[in-house]
Amino acid sequence: MSDSKTETLKPADPITEGPIAKGILSFFFPILFGSFFQQMYNITDAIIVGRFVGKEALGAVGGGTATFINLLVGLFVGIANGASVVISQYFGAKDRENTHRAIQTAINMSVWGGALVMAVGLLTSRWVMTLIDTPAEILDMSVTYLAVYFTGTIPMFLYNVGASTLRSMGDSKRPLYILIAGCVVNIGLDILFVAVFRWGVAGAAWATVACQVFSAVLTLILLKKTTDFSFHERGIDRNIFRMMLYLGIPAGIQGMMYSISNIIIQKAINVLGTDTVAANAAYSKVDSFFWMCINSFGVAVTVFSGQNYGAHNYGRVRKSMKVCLGMSAITAVIISAAFMLWGRTFLSIFTTDEKVLDIGVQIVYCIAPYFLTWISIEILSGTMRGCGQSLIPTLFTVFGICVLRVVWILCYFPAHHTISGIMAAYPLTWTATSLLFWGYYLFGHWMNVENGARAPRTLRLHLRWHFPRISGRDGHA
């Protein structure tokens, strides 16, 4: 590795140069396909246990267990996103030495984070499942699934951080190839463990863990060949780690608040019985296709913003946001229409129980028509985070979605025990939060354009202290 901090690392040209739409799509599709195959881990679990074990098992691997997993994983995912922004900005600024340090810090951080989440998950699973009123007939299965699932958090974190590191440097294709291979392995093991060996929900969880290990090993090998990453460097750069926390903790708290509000919603759903729990679990798997698409646009715009911000292409940051917003809007409309037309068909992939299907269709009609109200949150917050603004988007999301959602459930549900009333919380809070983001984007100072684009003052000072080369030419953004 060179001693020079300015040794050239050439960013991917489609991100910092050339047509924006073409560049976003070339980056978006590998991320989307990667997200699809990653989601296939959970979807395969749901299909196989729903078909071969029953609706109780379907409820056990979805719903409350998924929400609890998201709660524990959420904080680390936010920090990992902060790491991705730091790496992309250093890479965009062509700072080889700090790019290496940031990669080492992110990978080592994932090992400690995975161990911590595993310990907390194993110790608290039964208590949390009981706390949210998980139906008695699926409680033990839920706890069993979680006990196995949490043993795989270290490889899961290593894969996700390694893949996001490669994407932050413009490589979105090779992580996709690893996911495709992992998904094939997962499907094969799911069939073997659940349908052949009859291990039930534990078999589905073990299949997922095995695939996480497989994906992590391949990703680390690829990272070793692609970058200066070393298996022998165990240290964490304190300044870079603090910057990752500075950018990532707000996003992590946002993710955790999502999960907390969803746990409260899940508690209300659990009161309505096993059929409703299973219907919501099936819908969440169908619904995941929308989130895969929009989250992929969110990742793309974050990387575009981060690299262009690091390379001082400030006008391109705003153009990227507008192009990405238009694409995600078209996608949301198409998916909404498909769900409304063929929702029951999609749900029947996971269960054949007519009562469960009836409730699932009702959920589709409550949420799918309003997907368009979410996209501004994903794209605007991704753009702002790519430029280093993490706190304000988090505050907006925590209040606009999480707090309002909880208030709605606490005020509405005691008097109206209906699934449609519960689901109304989603479009209502998406709309309110979108309005907050648009107000800040149009009138706030997330990237001041006086005398050229500038980061918010508090962030500029923080970046000057830790990242003099990223904060701008000669110390000015």
Protein backbone atom coordinates (compact mmCIF):
# COMPACT_ATOMS: atom_id res chain seq x y z
CA MET A 1 0.00 0.00 0.00
CA SER A 2 1.38 3.44 -0.89
CA ASP A 3 2.35 5.93 1.80
CA SER A 4 0.63 8.67 -0.15
CA LYS A 5 -2.90 9.57 0.86
CA THR A 6 -3.64 10.85 -2.62
CA GLU A 7 -2.67 7.83 -4.69
CA THR A 8 -5.30 7.54 -7.37
CA LEU A 9 -8.29 5.31 -6.79
CA LYS A 10 -10.47 5.76 -9.85
CA PRO A 11 -14.18 5.82 -8.98
CA ALA A 12 -16.65 4.10 -11.23
CA ASP A 13 -17.18 6.49 -14.18
CA PRO A 14 -20.98 5.90 -14.44
CA ILE A 15 -21.38 7.35 -10.93
CA THR A 16 -19.33 10.55 -11.18
CA GLU A 17 -19.47 11.03 -14.96
CA GLY A 18 -21.78 10.40 -17.90
CA PRO A 19 -25.58 10.07 -18.19
CA ILE A 20 -27.16 9.89 -14.74
CA ALA A 21 -30.13 7.70 -15.64
CA LYS A 22 -27.91 5.11 -17.30
CA GLY A 23 -25.51 5.17 -14.38
CA ILE A 24 -28.28 4.75 -11.80
CA LEU A 25 -29.88 1.88 -13.69
CA SER A 26 -26.54 0.11 -14.18
CA PHE A 27 -26.06 0.33 -10.42
CA PHE A 28 -29.70 -0.22 -9.45
CA PHE A 29 -30.35 -3.54 -11.19
CA PRO A 30 -27.50 -5.47 -9.58
CA ILE A 31 -28.58 -4.12 -6.19
CA LEU A 32 -32.20 -5.04 -6.90
CA PHE A 33 -31.34 -8.55 -8.01
CA GLY A 34 -29.07 -8.86 -5.00
CA SER A 35 -31.86 -7.73 -2.69
CA PHE A 36 -34.23 -10.14 -4.39
CA PHE A 37 -31.98 -13.12 -3.87
CA GLN A 38 -31.21 -12.04 -0.31
CA GLN A 39 -34.91 -11.78 0.39
CA MET A 40 -35.36 -15.21 -1.14
CA TYR A 41 -33.75 -16.62 1.99
CA ASN A 42 -36.77 -15.55 4.04
CA ILE A 43 -39.33 -16.06 1.28
CA THR A 44 -38.16 -19.63 0.73
CA ASP A 45 -38.42 -20.29 4.46
CA ALA A 46 -42.00 -18.98 4.46
CA ILE A 47 -43.09 -20.91 1.36
CA ILE A 48 -41.68 -24.23 2.48
CA VAL A 49 -42.78 -24.10 6.12
CA GLY A 50 -46.19 -22.73 5.10
CA ARG A 51 -46.71 -25.55 2.63
CA PHE A 52 -45.03 -28.45 4.43
CA VAL A 53 -45.56 -27.58 8.12
CA GLY A 54 -48.68 -25.36 8.26
CA LYS A 55 -50.02 -21.90 8.95
CA GLU A 56 -48.74 -21.96 12.55
CA ALA A 57 -45.19 -22.40 11.26
CA LEU A 58 -45.78 -19.63 8.69
CA GLY A 59 -46.76 -17.30 11.52
CA ALA A 60 -43.69 -18.38 13.50
CA VAL A 61 -41.12 -17.49 10.80
CA GLY A 62 -42.80 -14.17 9.92
CA GLY A 63 -44.60 -11.47 11.83
CA GLY A 64 -43.22 -11.07 15.34
CA THR A 65 -39.98 -12.97 14.79
CA ALA A 66 -39.09 -10.90 11.72
CA THR A 67 -39.88 -7.68 13.55
CA PHE A 68 -37.76 -8.68 16.54
CA ILE A 69 -34.85 -9.59 14.25
CA ASN A 70 -35.14 -6.21 12.54
CA LEU A 71 -35.14 -4.48 15.92
CA LEU A 72 -31.86 -6.04 17.04
CA VAL A 73 -30.18 -5.84 13.66
CA GLY A 74 -31.43 -2.31 12.95
CA LEU A 75 -28.81 -0.36 14.91
CA PHE A 76 -25.92 -2.19 13.30
CA VAL A 77 -27.44 -1.83 9.84
CA GLY A 78 -27.53 1.93 10.40
CA ILE A 79 -23.90 1.99 11.47
CA ALA A 80 -23.02 -0.13 8.43
CA ASN A 81 -24.77 2.45 6.25
CA GLY A 82 -22.64 5.13 7.90
CA ALA A 83 -19.56 3.05 7.08
CA SER A 84 -20.69 2.83 3.46
CA VAL A 85 -21.02 6.62 3.23
CA VAL A 86 -17.56 7.14 4.73
CA ILE A 87 -15.97 4.64 2.34
CA SER A 88 -17.75 6.07 -0.71
CA GLN A 89 -16.68 9.62 0.18
CA TYR A 90 -13.05 8.62 0.68
CA PHE A 91 -13.15 6.59 -2.51
CA GLY A 92 -14.69 9.49 -4.40
CA ALA A 93 -11.96 11.78 -3.01
CA LYS A 94 -9.31 9.25 -4.22
CA ASP A 95 -7.82 8.91 -0.74
CA ARG A 96 -6.33 5.42 -0.80
CA GLU A 97 -4.97 5.25 2.73
CA ASN A 98 -8.16 6.30 4.50
CA THR A 99 -10.24 4.10 2.19
CA HIS A 100 -8.19 1.14 3.41
CA ARG A 101 -8.55 2.17 7.05
CA ALA A 102 -12.30 2.61 6.66
CA ILE A 103 -12.71 -0.85 5.11
CA GLN A 104 -10.68 -2.51 7.88
CA THR A 105 -12.65 -0.67 10.54
CA ALA A 106 -16.01 -1.63 9.01
CA ILE A 107 -15.15 -5.33 8.73
CA ASN A 108 -13.73 -5.60 12.24
CA MET A 109 -16.69 -3.68 13.60
CA SER A 110 -19.07 -6.23 12.04
CA VAL A 111 -17.52 -9.08 14.03
CA TRP A 112 -18.05 -7.35 17.37
CA GLY A 113 -21.51 -6.13 16.37
CA GLY A 114 -22.58 -9.60 15.26
CA ALA A 115 -21.41 -11.17 18.51
CA LEU A 116 -23.30 -8.61 20.58
CA VAL A 117 -26.55 -9.01 18.64
CA MET A 118 -26.28 -12.80 18.84
CA ALA A 119 -25.93 -12.69 22.63
CA VAL A 120 -28.83 -10.30 23.13
CA GLY A 121 -31.07 -12.23 20.73
CA LEU A 122 -30.44 -15.59 22.34
CA LEU A 123 -31.05 -14.25 25.85
CA THR A 124 -34.22 -12.26 25.19
CA SER A 125 -36.16 -14.12 22.44
CA ARG A 126 -38.74 -15.86 24.61
CA TRP A 127 -39.31 -12.80 26.79
CA VAL A 128 -39.94 -10.56 23.76
CA MET A 129 -42.22 -13.07 22.01
CA THR A 130 -44.26 -13.37 25.20
CA LEU A 131 -44.31 -9.61 25.69
CA ILE A 132 -45.93 -9.00 22.30
CA ASP A 133 -48.67 -11.58 22.94
CA THR A 134 -47.50 -14.17 20.41
CA PRO A 135 -50.30 -16.77 20.16
CA ALA A 136 -49.59 -19.75 22.42
CA GLU A 137 -49.77 -22.25 19.55
CA ILE A 138 -46.80 -20.63 17.76
CA LEU A 139 -44.76 -19.32 20.72
CA ASP A 140 -42.40 -22.30 21.04
CA MET A 141 -41.84 -22.48 17.29
CA SER A 142 -41.06 -18.75 17.19
CA VAL A 143 -38.49 -19.07 19.97
CA THR A 144 -36.90 -22.10 18.29
CA TYR A 145 -36.59 -20.25 14.98
CA LEU A 146 -34.98 -17.25 16.68
CA ALA A 147 -32.56 -19.38 18.71
CA VAL A 148 -31.13 -20.88 15.54
CA TYR A 149 -31.31 -17.71 13.45
CA PHE A 150 -29.28 -15.58 15.88
CA THR A 151 -26.35 -18.02 15.77
CA GLY A 152 -25.69 -16.70 12.27
CA THR A 153 -25.51 -12.97 12.99
CA ILE A 154 -21.70 -12.67 12.72
CA PRO A 155 -21.51 -14.09 9.17
CA MET A 156 -24.66 -12.13 8.27
CA PHE A 157 -23.02 -8.87 9.37
CA LEU A 158 -19.74 -9.75 7.64
CA TYR A 159 -21.54 -10.40 4.37
CA ASN A 160 -23.64 -7.24 4.52
CA VAL A 161 -20.73 -4.97 5.41
CA GLY A 162 -18.47 -6.58 2.83
CA ALA A 163 -21.09 -6.31 0.10
CA SER A 164 -21.94 -2.69 0.97
CA THR A 165 -18.21 -1.88 0.91
CA LEU A 166 -17.90 -3.21 -2.62
CA ARG A 167 -21.03 -1.34 -3.69
CA SER A 168 -19.78 1.91 -2.15
CA MET A 169 -16.81 1.68 -4.54
CA GLY A 170 -19.07 1.09 -7.53
CA ASP A 171 -18.98 -2.73 -7.68
CA SER A 172 -22.58 -3.89 -7.50
CA LYS A 173 -22.30 -6.98 -9.74
CA ARG A 174 -20.04 -9.38 -7.87
CA PRO A 175 -22.00 -9.17 -4.59
CA LEU A 176 -25.00 -10.12 -6.73
CA TYR A 177 -23.29 -13.25 -8.02
CA ILE A 178 -22.54 -14.32 -4.46
CA LEU A 179 -26.18 -13.80 -3.48
CA ILE A 180 -27.43 -15.85 -6.40
CA ALA A 181 -25.17 -18.72 -5.38
CA GLY A 182 -26.26 -18.36 -1.74
CA CYS A 183 -29.92 -18.37 -2.69
CA VAL A 184 -29.55 -21.59 -4.67
CA VAL A 185 -27.85 -23.21 -1.67
CA ASN A 186 -30.57 -21.90 0.65
CA ILE A 187 -33.41 -23.31 -1.43
CA GLY A 188 -31.72 -26.69 -1.62
CA LEU A 189 -31.09 -26.80 2.13
CA ASP A 190 -34.63 -25.61 2.91
CA ILE A 191 -36.08 -28.48 0.92
CA LEU A 192 -33.65 -30.94 2.49
CA PHE A 193 -34.06 -29.80 6.12
CA VAL A 194 -37.81 -29.06 6.12
CA ALA A 195 -39.43 -31.19 3.43
CA VAL A 196 -37.14 -34.24 3.67
CA PHE A 197 -35.66 -34.27 7.19
CA ARG A 198 -38.81 -32.73 8.73
CA TRP A 199 -36.88 -30.41 11.04
CA GLY A 200 -39.71 -27.83 10.96
CA VAL A 201 -38.95 -24.15 11.59
CA ALA A 202 -35.51 -25.04 12.98
CA GLY A 203 -34.60 -26.54 9.62
CA ALA A 204 -35.58 -23.33 7.83
CA ALA A 205 -33.46 -21.31 10.23
CA TRP A 206 -30.44 -23.62 9.84
CA ALA A 207 -30.70 -23.33 6.07
CA THR A 208 -30.55 -19.55 6.37
CA VAL A 209 -27.56 -19.65 8.73
CA ALA A 210 -25.66 -21.99 6.41
CA CYS A 211 -26.22 -19.61 3.49
CA GLN A 212 -25.08 -16.64 5.54
CA VAL A 213 -21.81 -18.42 6.31
CA PHE A 214 -21.39 -19.36 2.65
CA SER A 215 -22.02 -15.76 1.47
CA ALA A 216 -19.74 -14.24 4.11
CA VAL A 217 -16.78 -16.44 3.19
CA LEU A 218 -17.09 -15.69 -0.53
CA THR A 219 -17.49 -11.95 0.11
CA LEU A 220 -14.41 -11.72 2.33
CA ILE A 221 -12.34 -13.61 -0.24
CA LEU A 222 -13.53 -11.21 -2.95
CA LEU A 223 -12.83 -8.19 -0.74
CA LYS A 224 -9.31 -9.49 -0.09
CA LYS A 225 -8.64 -9.77 -3.82
CA THR A 226 -10.20 -6.41 -4.68
CA THR A 227 -8.86 -4.11 -1.93
CA ASP A 228 -6.02 -3.85 0.59
CA PHE A 229 -8.19 -5.56 3.20
CA SER A 230 -6.22 -7.90 5.47
CA PHE A 231 -7.50 -10.72 7.68
CA HIS A 232 -4.64 -10.05 10.09
CA GLU A 233 -5.42 -6.41 10.90
CA ARG A 234 -7.76 -6.56 13.89
CA GLY A 235 -7.69 -2.91 14.90
CA ILE A 236 -10.30 -0.17 14.51
CA ASP A 237 -9.33 3.36 13.52
CA ARG A 238 -10.92 5.44 16.27
CA ASN A 239 -11.47 8.61 14.24
CA ILE A 240 -13.01 6.75 11.31
CA PHE A 241 -15.10 4.63 13.68
CA ARG A 242 -16.42 7.79 15.36
CA MET A 243 -17.35 9.19 11.96
CA MET A 244 -19.16 5.98 11.07
CA LEU A 245 -21.04 6.22 14.35
CA TYR A 246 -21.77 9.90 13.75
CA LEU A 247 -23.34 9.11 10.38
CA GLY A 248 -24.72 5.68 11.21
CA ILE A 249 -26.23 5.83 14.68
CA PRO A 250 -29.05 8.20 13.65
CA ALA A 251 -29.94 5.84 10.79
CA GLY A 252 -29.66 2.88 13.17
CA ILE A 253 -31.92 4.54 15.71
CA GLN A 254 -34.35 5.24 12.90
CA GLY A 255 -34.36 1.56 11.95
CA MET A 256 -34.85 0.52 15.57
CA MET A 257 -37.71 2.98 15.96
CA TYR A 258 -39.33 1.47 12.88
CA SER A 259 -39.05 -1.91 14.51
CA ILE A 260 -40.39 -0.71 17.86
CA SER A 261 -43.42 0.83 16.20
CA ASN A 262 -43.90 -2.34 14.16
CA ILE A 263 -43.66 -4.45 17.31
CA ILE A 264 -46.51 -2.42 18.79
CA ILE A 265 -48.47 -2.99 15.58
CA GLN A 266 -47.59 -6.69 15.69
CA LYS A 267 -48.86 -6.86 19.27
CA ALA A 268 -52.20 -5.49 18.05
CA ILE A 269 -52.23 -7.99 15.17
CA ASN A 270 -51.47 -10.87 17.53
CA VAL A 271 -54.61 -10.06 19.51
CA LEU A 272 -56.66 -10.81 16.38
CA GLY A 273 -55.51 -14.45 16.31
CA THR A 274 -53.33 -16.93 14.39
CA ASP A 275 -55.16 -16.47 11.06
CA THR A 276 -54.44 -12.75 11.08
CA VAL A 277 -50.84 -13.32 12.15
CA ALA A 278 -50.34 -15.79 9.30
CA ALA A 279 -52.05 -13.45 6.79
CA ASN A 280 -49.80 -10.57 7.83
CA ALA A 281 -46.74 -12.82 7.59
CA ALA A 282 -47.70 -13.88 4.07
CA TYR A 283 -48.41 -10.28 3.05
CA SER A 284 -45.04 -9.15 4.42
CA LYS A 285 -43.32 -11.59 2.05
CA VAL A 286 -45.31 -10.31 -0.94
CA ASP A 287 -44.80 -6.73 0.22
CA SER A 288 -41.04 -7.30 0.37
CA PHE A 289 -40.80 -7.01 -3.44
CA PHE A 290 -41.83 -3.35 -3.24
CA TRP A 291 -39.31 -2.67 -0.51
CA MET A 292 -36.56 -4.41 -2.44
CA CYS A 293 -37.13 -2.12 -5.41
CA ILE A 294 -37.40 1.14 -3.51
CA ASN A 295 -34.57 0.31 -1.09
CA SER A 296 -32.37 -0.48 -4.09
CA PHE A 297 -33.07 2.99 -5.45
CA GLY A 298 -32.26 4.33 -1.97
CA VAL A 299 -28.90 2.53 -1.91
CA ALA A 300 -28.12 3.73 -5.44
CA VAL A 301 -28.87 7.38 -4.67
CA THR A 302 -26.87 7.21 -1.42
CA VAL A 303 -23.79 5.90 -3.22
CA PHE A 304 -24.25 8.41 -6.06
CA SER A 305 -24.58 11.25 -3.56
CA GLY A 306 -21.64 10.07 -1.47
CA GLN A 307 -19.18 9.69 -4.34
CA ASN A 308 -20.26 12.88 -6.11
CA TYR A 309 -20.16 14.80 -2.85
CA GLY A 310 -16.65 13.48 -2.20
CA ALA A 311 -15.67 14.43 -5.77
CA HIS A 312 -17.30 17.92 -5.38
CA ASN A 313 -19.88 17.26 -8.14
CA TYR A 314 -22.61 19.00 -6.14
CA GLY A 315 -25.00 19.73 -9.01
CA ARG A 316 -24.90 16.07 -9.96
CA VAL A 317 -26.06 15.17 -6.45
CA ARG A 318 -29.37 16.99 -6.97
CA LYS A 319 -29.80 15.68 -10.51
CA SER A 320 -29.25 12.13 -9.30
CA MET A 321 -31.96 12.59 -6.69
CA LYS A 322 -34.50 13.81 -9.24
CA VAL A 323 -33.79 11.01 -11.71
CA CYS A 324 -33.94 8.39 -8.96
CA LEU A 325 -37.20 9.83 -7.61
CA GLY A 326 -38.84 9.65 -11.02
CA MET A 327 -37.76 6.04 -11.56
CA SER A 328 -38.93 4.97 -8.11
CA ALA A 329 -42.31 6.68 -8.65
CA ILE A 330 -42.91 4.72 -11.86
CA THR A 331 -41.89 1.52 -10.09
CA ALA A 332 -44.23 2.19 -7.16
CA VAL A 333 -47.22 2.74 -9.45
CA ILE A 334 -46.57 -0.48 -11.38
CA ILE A 335 -46.18 -2.57 -8.23
CA SER A 336 -49.28 -1.04 -6.64
CA ALA A 337 -51.35 -1.96 -9.69
CA ALA A 338 -49.97 -5.51 -9.78
CA PHE A 339 -50.73 -6.08 -6.09
CA MET A 340 -54.27 -4.77 -6.46
CA LEU A 341 -54.95 -6.99 -9.48
CA TRP A 342 -53.23 -10.22 -8.40
CA GLY A 343 -52.83 -9.91 -4.63
CA ARG A 344 -54.67 -13.13 -3.81
CA THR A 345 -52.60 -15.07 -6.34
CA PHE A 346 -49.38 -13.80 -4.79
CA LEU A 347 -50.56 -14.65 -1.28
CA SER A 348 -51.56 -18.16 -2.29
CA ILE A 349 -47.89 -18.94 -2.88
CA PHE A 350 -47.48 -19.08 0.89
CA THR A 351 -50.74 -20.61 2.08
CA THR A 352 -53.89 -22.28 0.80
CA ASP A 353 -56.01 -21.51 3.85
CA GLU A 354 -59.01 -19.53 2.57
CA LYS A 355 -59.57 -17.55 5.75
CA VAL A 356 -55.93 -16.50 5.85
CA LEU A 357 -56.12 -15.49 2.19
CA ASP A 358 -59.23 -13.37 2.78
CA ILE A 359 -57.49 -11.43 5.54
CA GLY A 360 -54.34 -11.09 3.44
CA VAL A 361 -56.28 -9.57 0.53
CA GLN A 362 -57.83 -7.08 2.94
CA ILE A 363 -54.32 -6.04 4.02
CA VAL A 364 -53.29 -5.62 0.37
CA TYR A 365 -56.18 -3.25 -0.29
CA CYS A 366 -55.30 -1.20 2.79
CA ILE A 367 -51.63 -0.63 1.91
CA ALA A 368 -50.76 -1.29 -1.74
CA PRO A 369 -52.63 1.72 -3.25
CA TYR A 370 -50.47 4.07 -1.17
CA PHE A 371 -46.93 2.91 -2.00
CA LEU A 372 -46.34 6.17 -3.85
CA THR A 373 -46.50 8.08 -0.55
CA TRP A 374 -43.34 6.33 0.69
CA ILE A 375 -40.80 6.90 -2.09
CA SER A 376 -39.90 10.51 -1.18
CA ILE A 377 -38.76 9.36 2.25
CA GLU A 378 -36.39 6.77 0.80
CA ILE A 379 -34.89 8.89 -1.97
CA LEU A 380 -34.59 12.21 -0.14
CA SER A 381 -33.14 10.66 3.00
CA GLY A 382 -30.68 8.62 0.89
CA THR A 383 -29.51 11.76 -0.89
CA MET A 384 -29.05 13.65 2.37
CA ARG A 385 -27.20 10.80 4.06
CA GLY A 386 -24.87 10.44 1.09
CA CYS A 387 -23.90 14.06 1.67
CA GLY A 388 -23.28 13.40 5.36
CA GLN A 389 -26.58 14.72 6.73
CA SER A 390 -27.95 11.97 8.94
CA LEU A 391 -29.50 13.56 12.01
CA ILE A 392 -32.38 15.54 10.50
CA PRO A 393 -33.69 12.67 8.31
CA THR A 394 -33.66 10.49 11.41
CA LEU A 395 -35.62 13.01 13.47
CA PHE A 396 -38.20 13.37 10.71
CA THR A 397 -38.63 9.62 10.40
CA VAL A 398 -38.76 8.97 14.13
CA PHE A 399 -41.50 11.55 14.60
CA GLY A 400 -43.38 11.31 11.32
CA ILE A 401 -43.52 7.53 11.11
CA CYS A 402 -42.66 5.94 14.43
CA VAL A 403 -44.27 8.32 16.94
CA LEU A 404 -47.38 9.02 14.87
CA ARG A 405 -47.78 5.32 14.14
CA VAL A 406 -47.71 4.42 17.81
CA VAL A 407 -50.13 7.22 18.65
CA TRP A 408 -52.53 5.96 15.98
CA ILE A 409 -52.46 2.39 17.27
CA LEU A 410 -52.84 3.40 20.92
CA CYS A 411 -55.76 5.71 20.15
CA TYR A 412 -57.57 3.71 17.46
CA PHE A 413 -57.14 0.03 18.22
CA PRO A 414 -58.68 -0.12 21.73
CA ALA A 415 -62.03 0.92 20.26
CA HIS A 416 -61.79 -0.75 16.82
CA HIS A 417 -60.32 -4.24 16.70
CA THR A 418 -59.98 -4.46 12.90
CA ILE A 419 -57.05 -5.25 10.65
CA SER A 420 -57.94 -2.39 8.28
CA GLY A 421 -57.72 0.11 11.11
CA ILE A 422 -54.28 -1.18 12.07
CA MET A 423 -52.98 -1.06 8.51
CA ALA A 424 -54.22 2.50 7.99
CA ALA A 425 -51.30 3.58 10.18
CA TYR A 426 -48.88 2.97 7.32
CA PRO A 427 -50.15 5.27 4.54
CA LEU A 428 -51.09 7.97 7.05
CA THR A 429 -47.60 8.15 8.54
CA TRP A 430 -45.86 7.79 5.16
CA THR A 431 -47.73 10.84 3.88
CA ALA A 432 -46.96 12.95 6.95
CA THR A 433 -43.25 12.09 6.84
CA SER A 434 -42.97 12.75 3.10
CA LEU A 435 -44.26 16.28 3.67
CA LEU A 436 -41.58 16.86 6.31
CA PHE A 437 -38.83 15.68 3.97
CA TRP A 438 -40.00 17.84 1.09
CA GLY A 439 -40.14 20.89 3.32
CA TYR A 440 -36.57 20.31 4.45
CA TYR A 441 -35.31 19.52 0.94
CA LEU A 442 -36.84 22.69 -0.52
CA PHE A 443 -36.23 25.14 2.32
CA GLY A 444 -33.63 23.58 4.61
CA HIS A 445 -29.84 23.71 4.55
CA TRP A 446 -28.94 20.06 4.04
CA MET A 447 -26.56 21.26 1.28
CA ASN A 448 -26.25 25.03 1.12
CA VAL A 449 -25.59 26.35 -2.39
CA GLU A 450 -24.19 29.76 -1.49
CA ASN A 451 -20.86 30.15 -3.31
CA GLY A 452 -21.09 26.51 -4.34
CA ALA A 453 -22.67 23.66 -2.48
CA ARG A 454 -21.77 23.40 1.21
CA ALA A 455 -22.58 20.86 3.85
CA PRO A 456 -24.45 21.99 6.99
CA ARG A 457 -22.07 23.93 9.24
CA THR A 458 -22.06 21.45 12.11
CA LEU A 459 -21.15 18.66 9.72
CA ARG A 460 -18.48 20.77 7.98
CA LEU A 461 -16.75 21.35 11.30
CA HIS A 462 -16.95 17.65 12.12
CA LEU A 463 -15.60 16.68 8.71
CA ARG A 464 -12.74 19.17 8.96
CA TRP A 465 -11.69 17.62 12.24
CA HIS A 466 -11.71 14.03 11.00
CA PHE A 467 -11.79 14.27 7.19
CA PRO A 468 -9.93 17.36 5.92
CA ARG A 469 -9.79 16.01 2.37
CA ILE A 470 -13.47 15.16 2.17
CA SER A 471 -14.77 18.41 3.63
CA GLY A 472 -13.74 20.28 0.48
CA ARG A 473 -10.86 21.74 -1.47
CA ASP A 474 -8.44 23.39 0.98
CA GLY A 475 -10.80 22.62 3.82
CA HIS A 476 -14.00 24.03 2.23
CA ALA A 477 -16.86 22.12 0.72
